[in-house]
Amino acid sequence: MFVDPKLDPRPGESCCAVKVSPLLRELLFRVAAFPALYPMDGAEARLTPVVLDEIGAARREHLRLPLPADPELRRLTDLIMSDPSHKASVAQWAAQMSMTERTLARKLNREIGMSLGQWRRQFHVARAMQWMADGRSIKSIAFDLGYESTSSFVTMFRKMVGTSPARYFSGREGEGGD
């Protein structure tokens, strides 16, 4: 969900992921069905501040997936997002972009504050969470993200998030609205 910065319930924060409680989840489904131009004196206008309050109260997830502004680097991240299982190395990506590995690393660090490997792992975690929410199995997610085995994916996820995918997702579903 994108919130107009003037209405942002978390002033001063940049784009972030938040833990979605069951209440917030249902509110988001409801708000997504609103017409673009809804009546300012109707139920939609009364419900919107509740959604913003719930977002403001939600726990921030420590996931960060910045996208570069530089067109060359943005093309690179778009290519990775379009084929998450692609296993090109940093050297291969640098060569494809007609630059050295060192130049690519410096540009990425300046633009997004992390290495390509870190960014790719963050992307894999974010995509995995999206797919888990859609009900996909850990095995199919691991395969579609290009991991050789489910256990190698689970190991990466655990290092990034602090728990296994199954435990993370089951804990989120069973919790209330904090």
Protein backbone atom coordinates (compact mmCIF):
# COMPACT_ATOMS: atom_id res chain seq x y z
CA MET A 1 0.00 0.00 0.00
CA PHE A 2 1.29 3.44 -0.84
CA VAL A 3 0.37 6.33 1.42
CA ASP A 4 0.58 9.98 0.42
CA PRO A 5 3.51 11.43 2.40
CA LYS A 6 1.20 14.18 3.69
CA LEU A 7 -0.93 11.47 5.36
CA ASP A 8 1.95 9.20 6.38
CA PRO A 9 1.20 7.63 9.78
CA ARG A 10 4.95 7.15 10.34
CA PRO A 11 6.34 10.66 9.80
CA GLY A 12 10.01 10.87 8.94
CA GLU A 13 10.30 7.22 7.89
CA SER A 14 11.18 6.10 4.44
CA CYS A 15 9.42 3.27 2.65
CA CYS A 16 9.17 0.27 4.93
CA ALA A 17 7.42 -3.04 5.40
CA VAL A 18 5.14 -3.50 8.39
CA LYS A 19 3.66 -6.52 10.09
CA VAL A 20 0.08 -6.83 8.88
CA SER A 21 -2.34 -7.87 11.60
CA PRO A 22 -5.54 -9.72 10.69
CA LEU A 23 -7.50 -6.48 11.18
CA LEU A 24 -5.15 -4.46 8.96
CA ARG A 25 -5.23 -7.19 6.33
CA GLU A 26 -9.01 -7.06 6.08
CA LEU A 27 -9.00 -3.26 6.10
CA LEU A 28 -6.51 -3.24 3.23
CA PHE A 29 -8.72 -5.58 1.21
CA ARG A 30 -11.66 -3.29 1.85
CA VAL A 31 -9.75 -0.11 0.95
CA ALA A 32 -8.38 -1.72 -2.23
CA ALA A 33 -11.96 -2.07 -3.46
CA PHE A 34 -12.72 1.64 -3.00
CA PRO A 35 -13.26 3.66 -6.16
CA ALA A 36 -10.41 6.08 -6.96
CA LEU A 37 -12.68 9.05 -6.26
CA TYR A 38 -14.80 8.08 -3.28
CA PRO A 39 -17.25 10.43 -1.52
CA MET A 40 -15.59 12.44 1.24
CA ASP A 41 -18.70 12.15 3.42
CA GLY A 42 -19.14 8.38 3.03
CA ALA A 43 -17.94 5.28 4.84
CA GLU A 44 -14.76 5.24 2.74
CA ALA A 45 -13.65 8.59 4.15
CA ARG A 46 -14.31 7.37 7.70
CA LEU A 47 -12.48 4.08 7.21
CA THR A 48 -9.31 5.55 5.67
CA PRO A 49 -8.05 7.13 8.95
CA VAL A 50 -8.56 3.78 10.70
CA VAL A 51 -6.30 2.13 8.10
CA LEU A 52 -3.68 4.84 8.62
CA ASP A 53 -3.91 4.38 12.41
CA GLU A 54 -3.41 0.63 12.03
CA ILE A 55 -0.42 1.14 9.74
CA GLY A 56 1.02 3.62 12.22
CA ALA A 57 0.63 1.12 15.06
CA ALA A 58 2.01 -1.83 13.09
CA ARG A 59 5.44 -3.19 13.92
CA ARG A 60 8.04 -2.29 11.33
CA GLU A 61 9.66 -5.27 9.63
CA HIS A 62 13.40 -5.05 9.24
CA LEU A 63 13.30 -5.71 5.54
CA ARG A 64 14.60 -3.13 3.15
CA LEU A 65 14.55 -3.37 -0.61
CA PRO A 66 15.66 -0.03 -2.01
CA LEU A 67 15.50 0.49 -5.74
CA PRO A 68 18.24 2.51 -7.42
CA ALA A 69 17.47 5.77 -9.19
CA ASP A 70 20.34 5.30 -11.64
CA PRO A 71 18.79 3.98 -14.90
CA GLU A 72 21.57 1.43 -15.48
CA LEU A 73 21.30 0.00 -12.00
CA ARG A 74 17.51 0.09 -12.15
CA ARG A 75 17.66 -1.97 -15.34
CA LEU A 76 19.80 -4.49 -13.45
CA THR A 77 17.40 -4.76 -10.50
CA ASP A 78 14.44 -4.98 -12.90
CA LEU A 79 16.14 -7.89 -14.71
CA ILE A 80 16.72 -9.69 -11.41
CA MET A 81 13.12 -9.10 -10.31
CA SER A 82 11.78 -10.39 -13.64
CA ASP A 83 13.75 -13.65 -13.27
CA PRO A 84 14.51 -14.29 -9.59
CA SER A 85 16.06 -17.68 -10.34
CA HIS A 86 18.74 -16.22 -12.66
CA LYS A 87 22.12 -17.11 -11.19
CA ALA A 88 24.47 -14.65 -12.89
CA SER A 89 27.45 -13.67 -10.76
CA VAL A 90 28.42 -10.10 -9.97
CA ALA A 91 31.20 -10.45 -12.56
CA GLN A 92 28.68 -11.53 -15.20
CA TRP A 93 26.30 -8.68 -14.37
CA ALA A 94 29.18 -6.18 -14.45
CA ALA A 95 30.35 -7.47 -17.82
CA GLN A 96 26.80 -7.28 -19.20
CA MET A 97 26.66 -3.67 -18.03
CA SER A 98 30.12 -2.90 -19.52
CA MET A 99 31.75 -2.04 -16.21
CA THR A 100 34.11 -3.63 -13.75
CA GLU A 101 32.91 -5.52 -10.68
CA ARG A 102 34.44 -2.81 -8.52
CA THR A 103 32.60 -0.03 -10.37
CA LEU A 104 29.33 -1.93 -10.11
CA ALA A 105 29.91 -2.53 -6.38
CA ARG A 106 30.69 1.16 -5.75
CA LYS A 107 27.65 2.34 -7.72
CA LEU A 108 25.35 -0.08 -5.89
CA ASN A 109 26.71 0.88 -2.50
CA ARG A 110 26.26 4.58 -3.27
CA GLU A 111 22.72 4.10 -4.67
CA ILE A 112 21.19 1.49 -2.37
CA GLY A 113 23.69 1.04 0.46
CA MET A 114 24.29 -2.66 -0.08
CA SER A 115 25.99 -5.16 -2.34
CA LEU A 116 24.25 -6.93 -5.20
CA GLY A 117 24.29 -10.18 -3.21
CA GLN A 118 22.67 -8.50 -0.20
CA TRP A 119 20.07 -6.84 -2.41
CA ARG A 120 19.29 -10.11 -4.18
CA ARG A 121 18.84 -11.95 -0.87
CA GLN A 122 16.54 -9.17 0.41
CA PHE A 123 14.55 -9.44 -2.81
CA HIS A 124 14.32 -13.23 -2.45
CA VAL A 125 13.02 -12.87 1.11
CA ALA A 126 10.45 -10.27 0.06
CA ARG A 127 9.29 -12.36 -2.90
CA ALA A 128 9.18 -15.50 -0.75
CA MET A 129 6.98 -13.75 1.81
CA GLN A 130 4.64 -12.64 -0.96
CA TRP A 131 4.44 -16.16 -2.34
CA MET A 132 3.99 -17.70 1.12
CA ALA A 133 1.09 -15.33 1.73
CA ASP A 134 -0.41 -16.65 -1.53
CA GLY A 135 -0.22 -20.19 -0.11
CA ARG A 136 2.73 -21.51 -2.12
CA SER A 137 4.91 -24.25 -0.67
CA ILE A 138 8.44 -23.58 0.58
CA LYS A 139 9.73 -26.18 -1.88
CA SER A 140 8.21 -24.44 -4.93
CA ILE A 141 9.39 -21.05 -3.68
CA ALA A 142 12.95 -22.32 -3.23
CA PHE A 143 12.93 -23.77 -6.74
CA ASP A 144 11.43 -20.64 -8.33
CA LEU A 145 14.05 -18.47 -6.62
CA GLY A 146 16.82 -20.63 -8.07
CA TYR A 147 17.99 -22.46 -4.95
CA GLU A 148 19.46 -25.93 -5.42
CA SER A 149 17.48 -27.28 -2.49
CA THR A 150 14.80 -26.32 -0.04
CA SER A 151 17.31 -26.47 2.79
CA SER A 152 19.64 -23.95 1.11
CA PHE A 153 16.72 -21.55 0.74
CA VAL A 154 15.61 -22.10 4.35
CA THR A 155 19.19 -21.45 5.53
CA MET A 156 19.34 -18.14 3.62
CA PHE A 157 15.89 -17.12 4.91
CA ARG A 158 16.85 -17.97 8.49
CA LYS A 159 20.05 -15.89 8.23
CA MET A 160 18.14 -12.92 6.83
CA VAL A 161 15.01 -13.04 9.00
CA GLY A 162 16.09 -14.91 12.12
CA THR A 163 13.73 -17.85 11.80
CA SER A 164 12.62 -20.43 9.25
CA PRO A 165 10.01 -19.48 6.62
CA ALA A 166 7.40 -21.83 8.07
CA ARG A 167 7.92 -20.62 11.64
CA TYR A 168 7.98 -16.97 10.56
CA PHE A 169 4.76 -17.24 8.63
CA SER A 170 2.91 -19.39 11.19
CA GLY A 171 3.91 -16.97 13.94
CA ARG A 172 2.58 -14.03 11.95
CA GLU A 173 -0.77 -15.66 11.27
CA GLY A 174 -1.32 -16.63 14.88
CA GLU A 175 -0.54 -13.20 16.35
CA GLY A 176 -2.89 -10.39 17.01
CA GLY A 177 -2.56 -6.78 15.99
CA ASP A 178 0.82 -5.53 17.21
